[in-house]
Amino acid sequence: MTVMEATRLGREALLVTLMVGGPALIAIMVVGTVVSLFQAVTQVHEATLTFLPKLLVISLVLALASGWMARELVNFGERCFRQIPEASR
């Protein structure tokens, strides 16, 4: 395996990680911002107020996107395994 191939594989791994984790992270950031604004406006600073909405949103996002996430990870894994014979040359 050349340096260029290793670099390409590393870049592809990072992109797959961002694609798979991105929707959940974005949803959590949006909910966290909305809850923080609500807490700032109402001056209610309850720890459970931030935890429960985030838990519900992350559960919903993972339930809806888990099939797509699994497909992306399996496709990346298959591409990596297909390159093993070429890498050993």
PDB file of N, CA and C in Angstrom:
ATOM      1  N   MET A   1       0.862  -1.170   0.000  1.00  0.00           N
ATOM      2  CA  MET A   1       0.000   0.000   0.000  1.00  0.00           C
ATOM      3  C   MET A   1       0.907   1.231   0.000  1.00  0.00           C
ATOM      4  N   THR A   2       0.635   2.104  -0.921  1.00  0.00           N
ATOM      5  CA  THR A   2       1.436   3.320  -1.009  1.00  0.00           C
ATOM      6  C   THR A   2       0.913   4.369  -0.028  1.00  0.00           C
ATOM      7  N   VAL A   3       1.687   5.408   0.098  1.00  0.00           N
ATOM      8  CA  VAL A   3       1.291   6.498   0.982  1.00  0.00           C
ATOM      9  C   VAL A   3       0.017   7.163   0.467  1.00  0.00           C
ATOM     10  N   MET A   4      -0.096   7.299  -0.840  1.00  0.00           N
ATOM     11  CA  MET A   4      -1.295   7.913  -1.429  1.00  0.00           C
ATOM     12  C   MET A   4      -2.541   7.081  -1.139  1.00  0.00           C
ATOM     13  N   GLU A   5      -2.428   5.769  -1.238  1.00  0.00           N
ATOM     14  CA  GLU A   5      -3.573   4.898  -0.956  1.00  0.00           C
ATOM     15  C   GLU A   5      -3.956   4.961   0.519  1.00  0.00           C
ATOM     16  N   ALA A   6      -2.961   4.979   1.394  1.00  0.00           N
ATOM     17  CA  ALA A   6      -3.239   5.069   2.827  1.00  0.00           C
ATOM     18  C   ALA A   6      -3.891   6.403   3.169  1.00  0.00           C
ATOM     19  N   THR A   7      -3.427   7.470   2.529  1.00  0.00           N
ATOM     20  CA  THR A   7      -4.011   8.786   2.756  1.00  0.00           C
ATOM     21  C   THR A   7      -5.456   8.830   2.258  1.00  0.00           C
ATOM     22  N   ARG A   8      -5.702   8.242   1.103  1.00  0.00           N
ATOM     23  CA  ARG A   8      -7.057   8.207   0.557  1.00  0.00           C
ATOM     24  C   ARG A   8      -7.980   7.402   1.473  1.00  0.00           C
ATOM     25  N   LEU A   9      -7.484   6.274   1.976  1.00  0.00           N
ATOM     26  CA  LEU A   9      -8.287   5.446   2.876  1.00  0.00           C
ATOM     27  C   LEU A   9      -8.579   6.183   4.188  1.00  0.00           C
ATOM     28  N   GLY A  10      -7.600   6.882   4.717  1.00  0.00           N
ATOM     29  CA  GLY A  10      -7.815   7.662   5.932  1.00  0.00           C
ATOM     30  C   GLY A  10      -8.813   8.782   5.722  1.00  0.00           C
ATOM     31  N   ARG A  11      -8.710   9.474   4.583  1.00  0.00           N
ATOM     32  CA  ARG A  11      -9.656  10.546   4.268  1.00  0.00           C
ATOM     33  C   ARG A  11     -11.072   9.991   4.119  1.00  0.00           C
ATOM     34  N   GLU A  12     -11.174   8.846   3.454  1.00  0.00           N
ATOM     35  CA  GLU A  12     -12.491   8.225   3.284  1.00  0.00           C
ATOM     36  C   GLU A  12     -13.076   7.792   4.635  1.00  0.00           C
ATOM     37  N   ALA A  13     -12.226   7.298   5.534  1.00  0.00           N
ATOM     38  CA  ALA A  13     -12.694   6.899   6.868  1.00  0.00           C
ATOM     39  C   ALA A  13     -13.221   8.107   7.630  1.00  0.00           C
ATOM     40  N   LEU A  14     -12.518   9.233   7.535  1.00  0.00           N
ATOM     41  CA  LEU A  14     -12.986  10.447   8.208  1.00  0.00           C
ATOM     42  C   LEU A  14     -14.303  10.943   7.624  1.00  0.00           C
ATOM     43  N   LEU A  15     -14.442  10.872   6.308  1.00  0.00           N
ATOM     44  CA  LEU A  15     -15.689  11.313   5.676  1.00  0.00           C
ATOM     45  C   LEU A  15     -16.866  10.429   6.068  1.00  0.00           C
ATOM     46  N   VAL A  16     -16.632   9.121   6.121  1.00  0.00           N
ATOM     47  CA  VAL A  16     -17.703   8.209   6.538  1.00  0.00           C
ATOM     48  C   VAL A  16     -18.082   8.479   7.990  1.00  0.00           C
ATOM     49  N   THR A  17     -17.093   8.747   8.832  1.00  0.00           N
ATOM     50  CA  THR A  17     -17.364   9.065  10.234  1.00  0.00           C
ATOM     51  C   THR A  17     -18.207  10.328  10.356  1.00  0.00           C
ATOM     52  N   LEU A  18     -17.856  11.345   9.585  1.00  0.00           N
ATOM     53  CA  LEU A  18     -18.639  12.586   9.607  1.00  0.00           C
ATOM     54  C   LEU A  18     -20.056  12.371   9.079  1.00  0.00           C
ATOM     55  N   MET A  19     -20.179  11.592   8.017  1.00  0.00           N
ATOM     56  CA  MET A  19     -21.515  11.343   7.448  1.00  0.00           C
ATOM     57  C   MET A  19     -22.398  10.569   8.419  1.00  0.00           C
ATOM     58  N   VAL A  20     -21.822   9.589   9.087  1.00  0.00           N
ATOM     59  CA  VAL A  20     -22.617   8.748   9.986  1.00  0.00           C
ATOM     60  C   VAL A  20     -22.928   9.479  11.293  1.00  0.00           C
ATOM     61  N   GLY A  21     -21.981  10.188  11.827  1.00  0.00           N
ATOM     62  CA  GLY A  21     -22.191  10.872  13.099  1.00  0.00           C
ATOM     63  C   GLY A  21     -22.789  12.262  12.981  1.00  0.00           C
ATOM     64  N   GLY A  22     -22.699  12.841  11.798  1.00  0.00           N
ATOM     65  CA  GLY A  22     -23.145  14.214  11.593  1.00  0.00           C
ATOM     66  C   GLY A  22     -24.599  14.493  11.940  1.00  0.00           C
ATOM     67  N   PRO A  23     -25.541  13.709  11.422  1.00  0.00           N
ATOM     68  CA  PRO A  23     -26.951  14.001  11.715  1.00  0.00           C
ATOM     69  C   PRO A  23     -27.278  13.999  13.205  1.00  0.00           C
ATOM     70  N   ALA A  24     -26.721  13.055  13.944  1.00  0.00           N
ATOM     71  CA  ALA A  24     -26.987  13.000  15.382  1.00  0.00           C
ATOM     72  C   ALA A  24     -26.364  14.201  16.093  1.00  0.00           C
ATOM     73  N   LEU A  25     -25.138  14.558  15.722  1.00  0.00           N
ATOM     74  CA  LEU A  25     -24.477  15.693  16.360  1.00  0.00           C
ATOM     75  C   LEU A  25     -25.185  17.008  16.067  1.00  0.00           C
ATOM     76  N   ILE A  26     -25.622  17.178  14.831  1.00  0.00           N
ATOM     77  CA  ILE A  26     -26.335  18.406  14.465  1.00  0.00           C
ATOM     78  C   ILE A  26     -27.653  18.503  15.219  1.00  0.00           C
ATOM     79  N   ALA A  27     -28.371  17.388  15.319  1.00  0.00           N
ATOM     80  CA  ALA A  27     -29.645  17.396  16.046  1.00  0.00           C
ATOM     81  C   ALA A  27     -29.432  17.741  17.514  1.00  0.00           C
ATOM     82  N   ILE A  28     -28.399  17.176  18.128  1.00  0.00           N
ATOM     83  CA  ILE A  28     -28.110  17.462  19.533  1.00  0.00           C
ATOM     84  C   ILE A  28     -27.725  18.924  19.719  1.00  0.00           C
ATOM     85  N   MET A  29     -26.945  19.469  18.788  1.00  0.00           N
ATOM     86  CA  MET A  29     -26.546  20.873  18.916  1.00  0.00           C
ATOM     87  C   MET A  29     -27.741  21.809  18.788  1.00  0.00           C
ATOM     88  N   VAL A  30     -28.652  21.501  17.872  1.00  0.00           N
ATOM     89  CA  VAL A  30     -29.841  22.342  17.703  1.00  0.00           C
ATOM     90  C   VAL A  30     -30.710  22.291  18.952  1.00  0.00           C
ATOM     91  N   VAL A  31     -30.946  21.097  19.461  1.00  0.00           N
ATOM     92  CA  VAL A  31     -31.773  20.963  20.673  1.00  0.00           C
ATOM     93  C   VAL A  31     -31.095  21.633  21.855  1.00  0.00           C
ATOM     94  N   GLY A  32     -29.795  21.474  21.991  1.00  0.00           N
ATOM     95  CA  GLY A  32     -29.078  22.115  23.085  1.00  0.00           C
ATOM     96  C   GLY A  32     -29.165  23.633  23.023  1.00  0.00           C
ATOM     97  N   THR A  33     -29.068  24.184  21.810  1.00  0.00           N
ATOM     98  CA  THR A  33     -29.171  25.633  21.645  1.00  0.00           C
ATOM     99  C   THR A  33     -30.569  26.125  21.994  1.00  0.00           C
ATOM    100  N   VAL A  34     -31.577  25.414  21.539  1.00  0.00           N
ATOM    101  CA  VAL A  34     -32.959  25.816  21.828  1.00  0.00           C
ATOM    102  C   VAL A  34     -33.232  25.741  23.328  1.00  0.00           C
ATOM    103  N   VAL A  35     -32.793  24.682  23.969  1.00  0.00           N
ATOM    104  CA  VAL A  35     -33.016  24.539  25.406  1.00  0.00           C
ATOM    105  C   VAL A  35     -32.242  25.614  26.174  1.00  0.00           C
ATOM    106  N   SER A  36     -31.021  25.916  25.734  1.00  0.00           N
ATOM    107  CA  SER A  36     -30.239  26.962  26.402  1.00  0.00           C
ATOM    108  C   SER A  36     -30.904  28.324  26.269  1.00  0.00           C
ATOM    109  N   LEU A  37     -31.441  28.613  25.091  1.00  0.00           N
ATOM    110  CA  LEU A  37     -32.168  29.872  24.916  1.00  0.00           C
ATOM    111  C   LEU A  37     -33.396  29.927  25.816  1.00  0.00           C
ATOM    112  N   PHE A  38     -34.110  28.812  25.896  1.00  0.00           N
ATOM    113  CA  PHE A  38     -35.276  28.747  26.771  1.00  0.00           C
ATOM    114  C   PHE A  38     -34.881  28.985  28.226  1.00  0.00           C
ATOM    115  N   GLN A  39     -33.780  28.359  28.651  1.00  0.00           N
ATOM    116  CA  GLN A  39     -33.326  28.539  30.028  1.00  0.00           C
ATOM    117  C   GLN A  39     -32.878  29.970  30.289  1.00  0.00           C
ATOM    118  N   ALA A  40     -32.246  30.593  29.301  1.00  0.00           N
ATOM    119  CA  ALA A  40     -31.797  31.969  29.479  1.00  0.00           C
ATOM    120  C   ALA A  40     -32.973  32.932  29.562  1.00  0.00           C
ATOM    121  N   VAL A  41     -33.994  32.680  28.760  1.00  0.00           N
ATOM    122  CA  VAL A  41     -35.160  33.569  28.744  1.00  0.00           C
ATOM    123  C   VAL A  41     -35.981  33.408  30.017  1.00  0.00           C
ATOM    124  N   THR A  42     -36.196  32.172  30.454  1.00  0.00           N
ATOM    125  CA  THR A  42     -37.051  31.931  31.614  1.00  0.00           C
ATOM    126  C   THR A  42     -36.283  31.897  32.927  1.00  0.00           C
ATOM    127  N   GLN A  43     -34.972  31.889  32.870  1.00  0.00           N
ATOM    128  CA  GLN A  43     -34.103  31.789  34.043  1.00  0.00           C
ATOM    129  C   GLN A  43     -34.384  30.531  34.861  1.00  0.00           C
ATOM    130  N   VAL A  44     -34.763  29.467  34.164  1.00  0.00           N
ATOM    131  CA  VAL A  44     -34.947  28.161  34.790  1.00  0.00           C
ATOM    132  C   VAL A  44     -33.706  27.340  34.456  1.00  0.00           C
ATOM    133  N   HIS A  45     -32.916  27.003  35.450  1.00  0.00           N
ATOM    134  CA  HIS A  45     -31.675  26.275  35.225  1.00  0.00           C
ATOM    135  C   HIS A  45     -31.765  24.911  35.896  1.00  0.00           C
ATOM    136  N   GLU A  46     -32.462  24.033  35.246  1.00  0.00           N
ATOM    137  CA  GLU A  46     -32.647  22.675  35.736  1.00  0.00           C
ATOM    138  C   GLU A  46     -31.835  21.738  34.841  1.00  0.00           C
ATOM    139  N   ALA A  47     -31.020  20.888  35.435  1.00  0.00           N
ATOM    140  CA  ALA A  47     -30.143  19.999  34.675  1.00  0.00           C
ATOM    141  C   ALA A  47     -30.931  18.990  33.846  1.00  0.00           C
ATOM    142  N   THR A  48     -32.029  18.499  34.389  1.00  0.00           N
ATOM    143  CA  THR A  48     -32.813  17.509  33.657  1.00  0.00           C
ATOM    144  C   THR A  48     -33.523  18.121  32.459  1.00  0.00           C
ATOM    145  N   LEU A  49     -33.695  19.421  32.455  1.00  0.00           N
ATOM    146  CA  LEU A  49     -34.344  20.084  31.336  1.00  0.00           C
ATOM    147  C   LEU A  49     -33.502  19.976  30.074  1.00  0.00           C
ATOM    148  N   THR A  50     -32.200  19.916  30.194  1.00  0.00           N
ATOM    149  CA  THR A  50     -31.352  19.763  29.017  1.00  0.00           C
ATOM    150  C   THR A  50     -31.179  18.296  28.642  1.00  0.00           C
ATOM    151  N   PHE A  51     -31.193  17.415  29.614  1.00  0.00           N
ATOM    152  CA  PHE A  51     -30.926  16.007  29.354  1.00  0.00           C
ATOM    153  C   PHE A  51     -32.061  15.308  28.615  1.00  0.00           C
ATOM    154  N   LEU A  52     -33.284  15.481  29.048  1.00  0.00           N
ATOM    155  CA  LEU A  52     -34.413  14.751  28.483  1.00  0.00           C
ATOM    156  C   LEU A  52     -34.670  15.076  27.005  1.00  0.00           C
ATOM    157  N   PRO A  53     -34.723  16.348  26.597  1.00  0.00           N
ATOM    158  CA  PRO A  53     -34.931  16.609  25.163  1.00  0.00           C
ATOM    159  C   PRO A  53     -33.805  16.049  24.289  1.00  0.00           C
ATOM    160  N   LYS A  54     -32.565  16.146  24.762  1.00  0.00           N
ATOM    161  CA  LYS A  54     -31.456  15.595  23.990  1.00  0.00           C
ATOM    162  C   LYS A  54     -31.571  14.081  23.864  1.00  0.00           C
ATOM    163  N   LEU A  55     -31.958  13.427  24.953  1.00  0.00           N
ATOM    164  CA  LEU A  55     -32.128  11.973  24.933  1.00  0.00           C
ATOM    165  C   LEU A  55     -33.217  11.568  23.949  1.00  0.00           C
ATOM    166  N   LEU A  56     -34.331  12.286  23.965  1.00  0.00           N
ATOM    167  CA  LEU A  56     -35.431  11.972  23.045  1.00  0.00           C
ATOM    168  C   LEU A  56     -35.035  12.208  21.592  1.00  0.00           C
ATOM    169  N   VAL A  57     -34.346  13.307  21.316  1.00  0.00           N
ATOM    170  CA  VAL A  57     -33.964  13.619  19.940  1.00  0.00           C
ATOM    171  C   VAL A  57     -32.928  12.641  19.423  1.00  0.00           C
ATOM    172  N   ILE A  58     -31.930  12.311  20.224  1.00  0.00           N
ATOM    173  CA  ILE A  58     -30.917  11.369  19.761  1.00  0.00           C
ATOM    174  C   ILE A  58     -31.534   9.989  19.539  1.00  0.00           C
ATOM    175  N   SER A  59     -32.492   9.598  20.367  1.00  0.00           N
ATOM    176  CA  SER A  59     -33.174   8.320  20.159  1.00  0.00           C
ATOM    177  C   SER A  59     -33.961   8.327  18.858  1.00  0.00           C
ATOM    178  N   LEU A  60     -34.640   9.421  18.585  1.00  0.00           N
ATOM    179  CA  LEU A  60     -35.407   9.541  17.348  1.00  0.00           C
ATOM    180  C   LEU A  60     -34.504   9.530  16.117  1.00  0.00           C
ATOM    181  N   VAL A  61     -33.428  10.297  16.168  1.00  0.00           N
ATOM    182  CA  VAL A  61     -32.506  10.361  15.024  1.00  0.00           C
ATOM    183  C   VAL A  61     -31.877   9.001  14.780  1.00  0.00           C
ATOM    184  N   LEU A  62     -31.436   8.336  15.819  1.00  0.00           N
ATOM    185  CA  LEU A  62     -30.821   7.017  15.647  1.00  0.00           C
ATOM    186  C   LEU A  62     -31.829   5.983  15.165  1.00  0.00           C
ATOM    187  N   ALA A  63     -33.073   6.078  15.626  1.00  0.00           N
ATOM    188  CA  ALA A  63     -34.094   5.140  15.162  1.00  0.00           C
ATOM    189  C   ALA A  63     -34.397   5.345  13.681  1.00  0.00           C
ATOM    190  N   LEU A  64     -34.441   6.599  13.258  1.00  0.00           N
ATOM    191  CA  LEU A  64     -34.762   6.888  11.863  1.00  0.00           C
ATOM    192  C   LEU A  64     -33.599   6.643  10.912  1.00  0.00           C
ATOM    193  N   ALA A  65     -32.380   6.921  11.359  1.00  0.00           N
ATOM    194  CA  ALA A  65     -31.235   6.863  10.454  1.00  0.00           C
ATOM    195  C   ALA A  65     -30.356   5.636  10.646  1.00  0.00           C
ATOM    196  N   SER A  66     -30.715   4.733  11.519  1.00  0.00           N
ATOM    197  CA  SER A  66     -29.835   3.600  11.806  1.00  0.00           C
ATOM    198  C   SER A  66     -29.631   2.693  10.595  1.00  0.00           C
ATOM    199  N   GLY A  67     -30.647   2.504   9.782  1.00  0.00           N
ATOM    200  CA  GLY A  67     -30.491   1.687   8.583  1.00  0.00           C
ATOM    201  C   GLY A  67     -29.492   2.282   7.613  1.00  0.00           C
ATOM    202  N   TRP A  68     -29.624   3.580   7.373  1.00  0.00           N
ATOM    203  CA  TRP A  68     -28.701   4.267   6.475  1.00  0.00           C
ATOM    204  C   TRP A  68     -27.283   4.250   7.043  1.00  0.00           C
ATOM    205  N   MET A  69     -27.160   4.493   8.348  1.00  0.00           N
ATOM    206  CA  MET A  69     -25.838   4.493   8.983  1.00  0.00           C
ATOM    207  C   MET A  69     -25.178   3.120   8.851  1.00  0.00           C
ATOM    208  N   ALA A  70     -25.936   2.080   9.093  1.00  0.00           N
ATOM    209  CA  ALA A  70     -25.392   0.723   8.993  1.00  0.00           C
ATOM    210  C   ALA A  70     -24.957   0.417   7.565  1.00  0.00           C
ATOM    211  N   ARG A  71     -25.759   0.829   6.576  1.00  0.00           N
ATOM    212  CA  ARG A  71     -25.385   0.603   5.174  1.00  0.00           C
ATOM    213  C   ARG A  71     -24.082   1.304   4.819  1.00  0.00           C
ATOM    214  N   GLU A  72     -23.935   2.546   5.261  1.00  0.00           N
ATOM    215  CA  GLU A  72     -22.704   3.296   4.973  1.00  0.00           C
ATOM    216  C   GLU A  72     -21.488   2.617   5.601  1.00  0.00           C
ATOM    217  N   LEU A  73     -21.627   2.172   6.851  1.00  0.00           N
ATOM    218  CA  LEU A  73     -20.513   1.519   7.517  1.00  0.00           C
ATOM    219  C   LEU A  73     -20.172   0.171   6.878  1.00  0.00           C
ATOM    220  N   VAL A  74     -21.196  -0.583   6.487  1.00  0.00           N
ATOM    221  CA  VAL A  74     -20.951  -1.872   5.838  1.00  0.00           C
ATOM    222  C   VAL A  74     -20.299  -1.658   4.476  1.00  0.00           C
ATOM    223  N   ASN A  75     -20.757  -0.676   3.713  1.00  0.00           N
ATOM    224  CA  ASN A  75     -20.147  -0.389   2.409  1.00  0.00           C
ATOM    225  C   ASN A  75     -18.682  -0.002   2.569  1.00  0.00           C
ATOM    226  N   PHE A  76     -18.376   0.822   3.549  1.00  0.00           N
ATOM    227  CA  PHE A  76     -16.983   1.205   3.782  1.00  0.00           C
ATOM    228  C   PHE A  76     -16.148  -0.005   4.188  1.00  0.00           C
ATOM    229  N   GLY A  77     -16.685  -0.836   5.056  1.00  0.00           N
ATOM    230  CA  GLY A  77     -15.969  -2.048   5.461  1.00  0.00           C
ATOM    231  C   GLY A  77     -15.703  -2.983   4.298  1.00  0.00           C
ATOM    232  N   GLU A  78     -16.691  -3.135   3.420  1.00  0.00           N
ATOM    233  CA  GLU A  78     -16.503  -3.983   2.236  1.00  0.00           C
ATOM    234  C   GLU A  78     -15.429  -3.427   1.320  1.00  0.00           C
ATOM    235  N   ARG A  79     -15.423  -2.102   1.140  1.00  0.00           N
ATOM    236  CA  ARG A  79     -14.378  -1.490   0.293  1.00  0.00           C
ATOM    237  C   ARG A  79     -13.001  -1.714   0.895  1.00  0.00           C
ATOM    238  N   CYS A  80     -12.903  -1.619   2.210  1.00  0.00           N
ATOM    239  CA  CYS A  80     -11.615  -1.845   2.875  1.00  0.00           C
ATOM    240  C   CYS A  80     -11.164  -3.292   2.695  1.00  0.00           C
ATOM    241  N   PHE A  81     -12.068  -4.249   2.885  1.00  0.00           N
ATOM    242  CA  PHE A  81     -11.699  -5.661   2.752  1.00  0.00           C
ATOM    243  C   PHE A  81     -11.342  -6.020   1.317  1.00  0.00           C
ATOM    244  N   ARG A  82     -11.991  -5.378   0.338  1.00  0.00           N
ATOM    245  CA  ARG A  82     -11.649  -5.635  -1.063  1.00  0.00           C
ATOM    246  C   ARG A  82     -10.235  -5.158  -1.390  1.00  0.00           C
ATOM    247  N   GLN A  83      -9.739  -4.188  -0.663  1.00  0.00           N
ATOM    248  CA  GLN A  83      -8.416  -3.645  -0.954  1.00  0.00           C
ATOM    249  C   GLN A  83      -7.286  -4.401  -0.266  1.00  0.00           C
ATOM    250  N   ILE A  84      -7.598  -5.375   0.577  1.00  0.00           N
ATOM    251  CA  ILE A  84      -6.555  -6.128   1.284  1.00  0.00           C
ATOM    252  C   ILE A  84      -5.641  -6.872   0.320  1.00  0.00           C
ATOM    253  N   PRO A  85      -6.157  -7.595  -0.679  1.00  0.00           N
ATOM    254  CA  PRO A  85      -5.227  -8.283  -1.590  1.00  0.00           C
ATOM    255  C   PRO A  85      -4.303  -7.326  -2.351  1.00  0.00           C
ATOM    256  N   GLU A  86      -4.815  -6.173  -2.702  1.00  0.00           N
ATOM    257  CA  GLU A  86      -4.001  -5.196  -3.412  1.00  0.00           C
ATOM    258  C   GLU A  86      -2.945  -4.574  -2.494  1.00  0.00           C
ATOM    259  N   ALA A  87      -3.267  -4.448  -1.229  1.00  0.00           N
ATOM    260  CA  ALA A  87      -2.343  -3.822  -0.279  1.00  0.00           C
ATOM    261  C   ALA A  87      -1.166  -4.724   0.043  1.00  0.00           C
ATOM    262  N   SER A  88      -1.343  -6.036  -0.069  1.00  0.00           N
ATOM    263  CA  SER A  88      -0.276  -6.958   0.293  1.00  0.00           C
ATOM    264  C   SER A  88       0.741  -7.138  -0.816  1.00  0.00           C
ATOM    265  N   ARG A  89       0.496  -6.554  -1.970  1.00  0.00           N
ATOM    266  CA  ARG A  89       1.450  -6.702  -3.084  1.00  0.00           C
ATOM    267  C   ARG A  89       2.625  -5.798  -2.933  1.00  0.00           C
TER     268      ARG A  89
END
